[in-house]
N, C-alpha and C. Protein backbone atom coordinates (compact mmCIF):
# COMPACT_ATOMS: atom_id res chain seq x y z
N UNK A 1 0.83 -1.19 0.00
CA UNK A 1 0.00 0.00 0.00
C UNK A 1 0.87 1.25 0.00
N UNK A 2 1.97 1.23 0.76
CA UNK A 2 2.83 2.40 0.83
C UNK A 2 3.37 2.77 -0.55
N UNK A 3 3.76 1.78 -1.32
CA UNK A 3 4.25 2.04 -2.67
C UNK A 3 3.15 2.66 -3.51
N UNK A 4 1.94 2.17 -3.36
CA UNK A 4 0.80 2.74 -4.08
C UNK A 4 0.59 4.20 -3.74
N UNK A 5 0.72 4.54 -2.48
CA UNK A 5 0.57 5.93 -2.05
C UNK A 5 1.61 6.81 -2.72
N UNK A 6 2.84 6.34 -2.80
CA UNK A 6 3.92 7.13 -3.39
C UNK A 6 3.68 7.40 -4.87
N UNK A 7 2.92 6.55 -5.55
CA UNK A 7 2.65 6.73 -6.97
C UNK A 7 1.27 7.34 -7.23
N UNK A 8 0.68 7.96 -6.22
CA UNK A 8 -0.63 8.58 -6.34
C UNK A 8 -0.53 10.09 -6.27
N UNK A 9 -1.48 10.75 -6.94
CA UNK A 9 -1.60 12.20 -6.81
C UNK A 9 -2.24 12.49 -5.45
N UNK A 10 -1.86 13.58 -4.81
CA UNK A 10 -2.51 13.96 -3.55
C UNK A 10 -4.02 14.06 -3.75
N UNK A 11 -4.77 13.46 -2.83
CA UNK A 11 -6.22 13.50 -2.89
C UNK A 11 -6.86 12.46 -3.78
N UNK A 12 -6.05 11.66 -4.49
CA UNK A 12 -6.63 10.64 -5.37
C UNK A 12 -6.96 9.38 -4.57
N UNK A 13 -7.76 8.54 -5.17
CA UNK A 13 -8.19 7.29 -4.55
C UNK A 13 -7.27 6.17 -5.02
N UNK A 14 -6.89 5.30 -4.11
CA UNK A 14 -6.10 4.12 -4.45
C UNK A 14 -7.07 2.94 -4.53
N UNK A 15 -7.06 2.26 -5.67
CA UNK A 15 -7.94 1.10 -5.83
C UNK A 15 -7.31 -0.13 -5.19
N UNK A 16 -8.12 -0.86 -4.46
CA UNK A 16 -7.67 -2.08 -3.80
C UNK A 16 -8.73 -3.14 -4.02
N UNK A 17 -8.32 -4.27 -4.59
CA UNK A 17 -9.25 -5.38 -4.77
C UNK A 17 -8.56 -6.68 -4.40
N UNK A 18 -9.35 -7.65 -4.01
CA UNK A 18 -8.82 -8.95 -3.62
C UNK A 18 -9.75 -10.04 -4.11
N UNK A 19 -9.17 -11.19 -4.40
CA UNK A 19 -9.94 -12.36 -4.82
C UNK A 19 -9.29 -13.60 -4.24
N UNK A 20 -10.12 -14.49 -3.71
CA UNK A 20 -9.61 -15.74 -3.15
C UNK A 20 -9.89 -16.89 -4.11
N UNK A 21 -8.97 -17.83 -4.14
CA UNK A 21 -9.14 -19.05 -4.92
C UNK A 21 -8.53 -20.20 -4.12
N UNK A 22 -8.62 -21.40 -4.65
CA UNK A 22 -8.02 -22.55 -3.96
C UNK A 22 -6.51 -22.43 -3.86
N UNK A 23 -5.89 -21.74 -4.82
CA UNK A 23 -4.44 -21.62 -4.82
C UNK A 23 -3.93 -20.51 -3.90
N UNK A 24 -4.80 -19.60 -3.52
CA UNK A 24 -4.36 -18.52 -2.64
C UNK A 24 -5.22 -17.28 -2.76
N UNK A 25 -4.63 -16.14 -2.50
CA UNK A 25 -5.32 -14.85 -2.55
C UNK A 25 -4.55 -13.92 -3.48
N UNK A 26 -5.29 -13.22 -4.32
CA UNK A 26 -4.68 -12.21 -5.19
C UNK A 26 -5.16 -10.84 -4.75
N UNK A 27 -4.23 -9.91 -4.67
CA UNK A 27 -4.53 -8.53 -4.28
C UNK A 27 -4.00 -7.62 -5.37
N UNK A 28 -4.82 -6.66 -5.80
CA UNK A 28 -4.41 -5.68 -6.79
C UNK A 28 -4.50 -4.29 -6.18
N UNK A 29 -3.47 -3.49 -6.40
CA UNK A 29 -3.43 -2.11 -5.93
C UNK A 29 -3.23 -1.24 -7.16
N UNK A 30 -4.16 -0.30 -7.41
CA UNK A 30 -4.07 0.58 -8.57
C UNK A 30 -4.04 2.03 -8.11
N UNK A 31 -3.15 2.79 -8.73
CA UNK A 31 -3.01 4.20 -8.38
C UNK A 31 -3.22 5.06 -9.61
N UNK A 32 -3.48 6.33 -9.37
CA UNK A 32 -3.57 7.33 -10.44
C UNK A 32 -2.62 8.45 -10.09
N UNK A 33 -1.75 8.79 -11.02
CA UNK A 33 -0.86 9.90 -10.74
C UNK A 33 0.47 9.80 -11.44
N UNK A 34 1.31 8.87 -11.03
CA UNK A 34 2.68 8.80 -11.53
C UNK A 34 2.95 7.40 -12.07
N UNK A 35 3.60 7.35 -13.24
CA UNK A 35 4.01 6.06 -13.81
C UNK A 35 5.50 5.87 -13.56
N UNK A 36 5.94 4.64 -13.68
CA UNK A 36 7.36 4.30 -13.56
C UNK A 36 7.99 4.51 -14.93
N UNK A 37 9.13 5.19 -15.01
CA UNK A 37 9.78 5.32 -16.32
C UNK A 37 9.95 3.94 -16.98
N UNK A 38 9.61 3.85 -18.26
CA UNK A 38 9.60 2.56 -18.96
C UNK A 38 10.93 1.82 -18.86
N UNK A 39 12.05 2.55 -18.91
CA UNK A 39 13.35 1.88 -18.86
C UNK A 39 13.65 1.32 -17.47
N UNK A 40 12.95 1.81 -16.44
CA UNK A 40 13.18 1.32 -15.07
C UNK A 40 12.16 0.27 -14.64
N UNK A 41 11.09 0.13 -15.39
CA UNK A 41 10.04 -0.83 -15.03
C UNK A 41 10.56 -2.25 -14.84
N UNK A 42 11.42 -2.79 -15.74
CA UNK A 42 11.92 -4.16 -15.53
C UNK A 42 12.80 -4.31 -14.28
N UNK A 43 13.33 -3.19 -13.77
CA UNK A 43 14.22 -3.23 -12.61
C UNK A 43 13.54 -2.82 -11.32
N UNK A 44 12.21 -2.69 -11.33
CA UNK A 44 11.48 -2.15 -10.18
C UNK A 44 11.77 -2.90 -8.88
N UNK A 45 11.91 -4.22 -8.94
CA UNK A 45 12.14 -5.02 -7.73
C UNK A 45 13.61 -5.39 -7.52
N UNK A 46 14.52 -4.82 -8.30
CA UNK A 46 15.95 -5.11 -8.15
C UNK A 46 16.54 -4.32 -6.98
N UNK A 47 17.26 -5.01 -6.13
CA UNK A 47 17.90 -4.37 -4.98
C UNK A 47 18.89 -3.31 -5.45
N UNK A 48 19.62 -3.58 -6.52
CA UNK A 48 20.65 -2.66 -6.98
C UNK A 48 20.09 -1.43 -7.69
N UNK A 49 18.78 -1.38 -7.91
CA UNK A 49 18.18 -0.23 -8.58
C UNK A 49 17.71 0.84 -7.60
N UNK A 50 17.96 0.66 -6.31
CA UNK A 50 17.42 1.61 -5.33
C UNK A 50 17.98 3.01 -5.47
N UNK A 51 19.14 3.16 -6.06
CA UNK A 51 19.73 4.49 -6.21
C UNK A 51 19.12 5.27 -7.37
N UNK A 52 18.36 4.60 -8.24
CA UNK A 52 17.76 5.27 -9.39
C UNK A 52 16.44 5.90 -8.99
N UNK A 53 16.17 7.08 -9.50
CA UNK A 53 14.92 7.78 -9.18
C UNK A 53 13.78 7.16 -9.98
N UNK A 54 13.04 6.27 -9.35
CA UNK A 54 11.94 5.59 -10.03
C UNK A 54 10.68 6.45 -10.01
N UNK A 55 10.55 7.32 -9.04
CA UNK A 55 9.42 8.22 -9.01
C UNK A 55 9.92 9.62 -8.65
N UNK A 56 9.13 10.67 -8.95
CA UNK A 56 9.62 12.03 -8.78
C UNK A 56 10.15 12.37 -7.38
N UNK A 57 9.70 11.71 -6.35
CA UNK A 57 10.16 12.00 -5.00
C UNK A 57 11.49 11.36 -4.65
N UNK A 58 12.09 10.61 -5.57
CA UNK A 58 13.36 9.95 -5.31
C UNK A 58 13.22 8.44 -5.34
N UNK A 59 14.14 7.77 -4.68
CA UNK A 59 14.10 6.30 -4.70
C UNK A 59 13.11 5.77 -3.66
N UNK A 60 12.79 4.51 -3.79
CA UNK A 60 11.83 3.86 -2.88
C UNK A 60 12.53 3.06 -1.78
N UNK A 61 13.84 3.09 -1.75
CA UNK A 61 14.56 2.30 -0.77
C UNK A 61 14.45 0.82 -1.10
N UNK A 62 14.60 0.00 -0.09
CA UNK A 62 14.58 -1.46 -0.28
C UNK A 62 13.18 -2.07 -0.16
N UNK A 63 12.18 -1.27 0.20
CA UNK A 63 10.85 -1.83 0.46
C UNK A 63 10.30 -2.73 -0.64
N UNK A 64 10.19 -2.25 -1.91
CA UNK A 64 9.63 -3.13 -2.95
C UNK A 64 10.47 -4.39 -3.16
N UNK A 65 11.80 -4.27 -3.16
CA UNK A 65 12.66 -5.42 -3.40
C UNK A 65 12.54 -6.45 -2.28
N UNK A 66 12.53 -5.99 -1.04
CA UNK A 66 12.43 -6.91 0.10
C UNK A 66 11.06 -7.57 0.13
N UNK A 67 10.01 -6.79 -0.08
CA UNK A 67 8.65 -7.36 -0.08
C UNK A 67 8.51 -8.42 -1.17
N UNK A 68 9.04 -8.13 -2.38
CA UNK A 68 8.95 -9.10 -3.47
C UNK A 68 9.70 -10.39 -3.12
N UNK A 69 10.84 -10.27 -2.49
CA UNK A 69 11.61 -11.47 -2.13
C UNK A 69 10.92 -12.30 -1.06
N UNK A 70 10.34 -11.65 -0.08
CA UNK A 70 9.62 -12.39 0.97
C UNK A 70 8.42 -13.11 0.37
N UNK A 71 7.65 -12.41 -0.45
CA UNK A 71 6.47 -13.03 -1.08
C UNK A 71 6.89 -14.21 -1.95
N UNK A 72 7.96 -14.07 -2.71
CA UNK A 72 8.46 -15.14 -3.57
C UNK A 72 8.94 -16.34 -2.76
N UNK A 73 9.62 -16.08 -1.65
CA UNK A 73 10.10 -17.18 -0.79
C UNK A 73 8.95 -18.04 -0.27
N UNK A 74 7.78 -17.45 -0.11
CA UNK A 74 6.62 -18.20 0.36
C UNK A 74 5.76 -18.72 -0.79
N UNK A 75 6.31 -18.72 -2.01
CA UNK A 75 5.62 -19.29 -3.16
C UNK A 75 4.68 -18.35 -3.88
N UNK A 76 4.69 -17.09 -3.52
CA UNK A 76 3.82 -16.11 -4.17
C UNK A 76 4.53 -15.38 -5.28
N UNK A 77 3.87 -14.35 -5.77
CA UNK A 77 4.47 -13.53 -6.83
C UNK A 77 3.96 -12.11 -6.72
N UNK A 78 4.73 -11.21 -7.31
CA UNK A 78 4.34 -9.81 -7.33
C UNK A 78 4.79 -9.22 -8.66
N UNK A 79 3.91 -8.45 -9.31
CA UNK A 79 4.27 -7.79 -10.56
C UNK A 79 3.83 -6.33 -10.49
N UNK A 80 4.42 -5.53 -11.35
CA UNK A 80 4.05 -4.11 -11.43
C UNK A 80 3.94 -3.74 -12.90
N UNK A 81 2.98 -2.87 -13.21
CA UNK A 81 2.84 -2.39 -14.58
C UNK A 81 2.34 -0.95 -14.54
N UNK A 82 2.63 -0.21 -15.60
CA UNK A 82 2.13 1.15 -15.73
C UNK A 82 0.71 1.13 -16.26
N UNK A 83 -0.06 2.12 -15.87
CA UNK A 83 -1.42 2.28 -16.35
C UNK A 83 -1.50 3.52 -17.23
N UNK A 84 -2.55 3.61 -18.03
CA UNK A 84 -2.80 4.78 -18.85
C UNK A 84 -4.25 5.17 -18.64
N UNK A 85 -4.57 6.31 -18.07
CA UNK A 85 -3.70 7.43 -17.70
C UNK A 85 -2.69 7.03 -16.64
N UNK A 86 -1.63 7.86 -16.48
CA UNK A 86 -0.51 7.50 -15.61
C UNK A 86 -0.91 7.04 -14.22
N UNK A 87 -0.26 6.02 -13.79
CA UNK A 87 -0.44 5.37 -12.50
C UNK A 87 0.23 4.01 -12.60
N UNK A 88 0.11 3.22 -11.54
CA UNK A 88 0.67 1.87 -11.58
C UNK A 88 -0.34 0.88 -11.05
N UNK A 89 -0.10 -0.39 -11.36
CA UNK A 89 -0.88 -1.50 -10.82
C UNK A 89 0.10 -2.51 -10.27
N UNK A 90 -0.05 -2.84 -9.00
CA UNK A 90 0.73 -3.90 -8.35
C UNK A 90 -0.20 -5.09 -8.18
N UNK A 91 0.21 -6.24 -8.68
CA UNK A 91 -0.55 -7.49 -8.49
C UNK A 91 0.25 -8.40 -7.60
N UNK A 92 -0.35 -8.81 -6.49
CA UNK A 92 0.29 -9.67 -5.51
C UNK A 92 -0.52 -10.95 -5.40
N UNK A 93 0.15 -12.08 -5.57
CA UNK A 93 -0.51 -13.38 -5.37
C UNK A 93 0.17 -14.07 -4.18
N UNK A 94 -0.64 -14.35 -3.17
CA UNK A 94 -0.15 -15.04 -1.97
C UNK A 94 -0.64 -16.47 -2.02
N UNK A 95 0.28 -17.41 -1.98
CA UNK A 95 -0.04 -18.83 -2.09
C UNK A 95 -0.74 -19.32 -0.83
N UNK A 96 -1.71 -20.21 -1.02
CA UNK A 96 -2.41 -20.82 0.10
C UNK A 96 -1.45 -21.71 0.89
N UNK A 97 -1.62 -21.75 2.18
CA UNK A 97 -0.77 -22.58 3.06
C UNK A 97 -1.15 -24.05 3.01
N UNK A 98 -2.21 -24.39 2.36
CA UNK A 98 -2.67 -25.79 2.31
C UNK A 98 -1.85 -26.63 1.41
């Protein structure tokens, strides 16, 4: 959610949706405001990309990279894409413990 806030215009609404299935839970976070530069999009979750300004306020630190690694270690996945009009969509799939 924090990453979604950073890519939102002040006063805008952040979209949050979730869906459950037998394989787990999927959560989508959509923002309106700022997109990730296209050349940096493939590196969004790279630890070594933290020094690059991915959004106008500067870097995001290690938060996205660490969150993606933790989710992946538990069998889940996380993706990010730009939206048009500008904004981003984060899709998180958390694997069921069963």
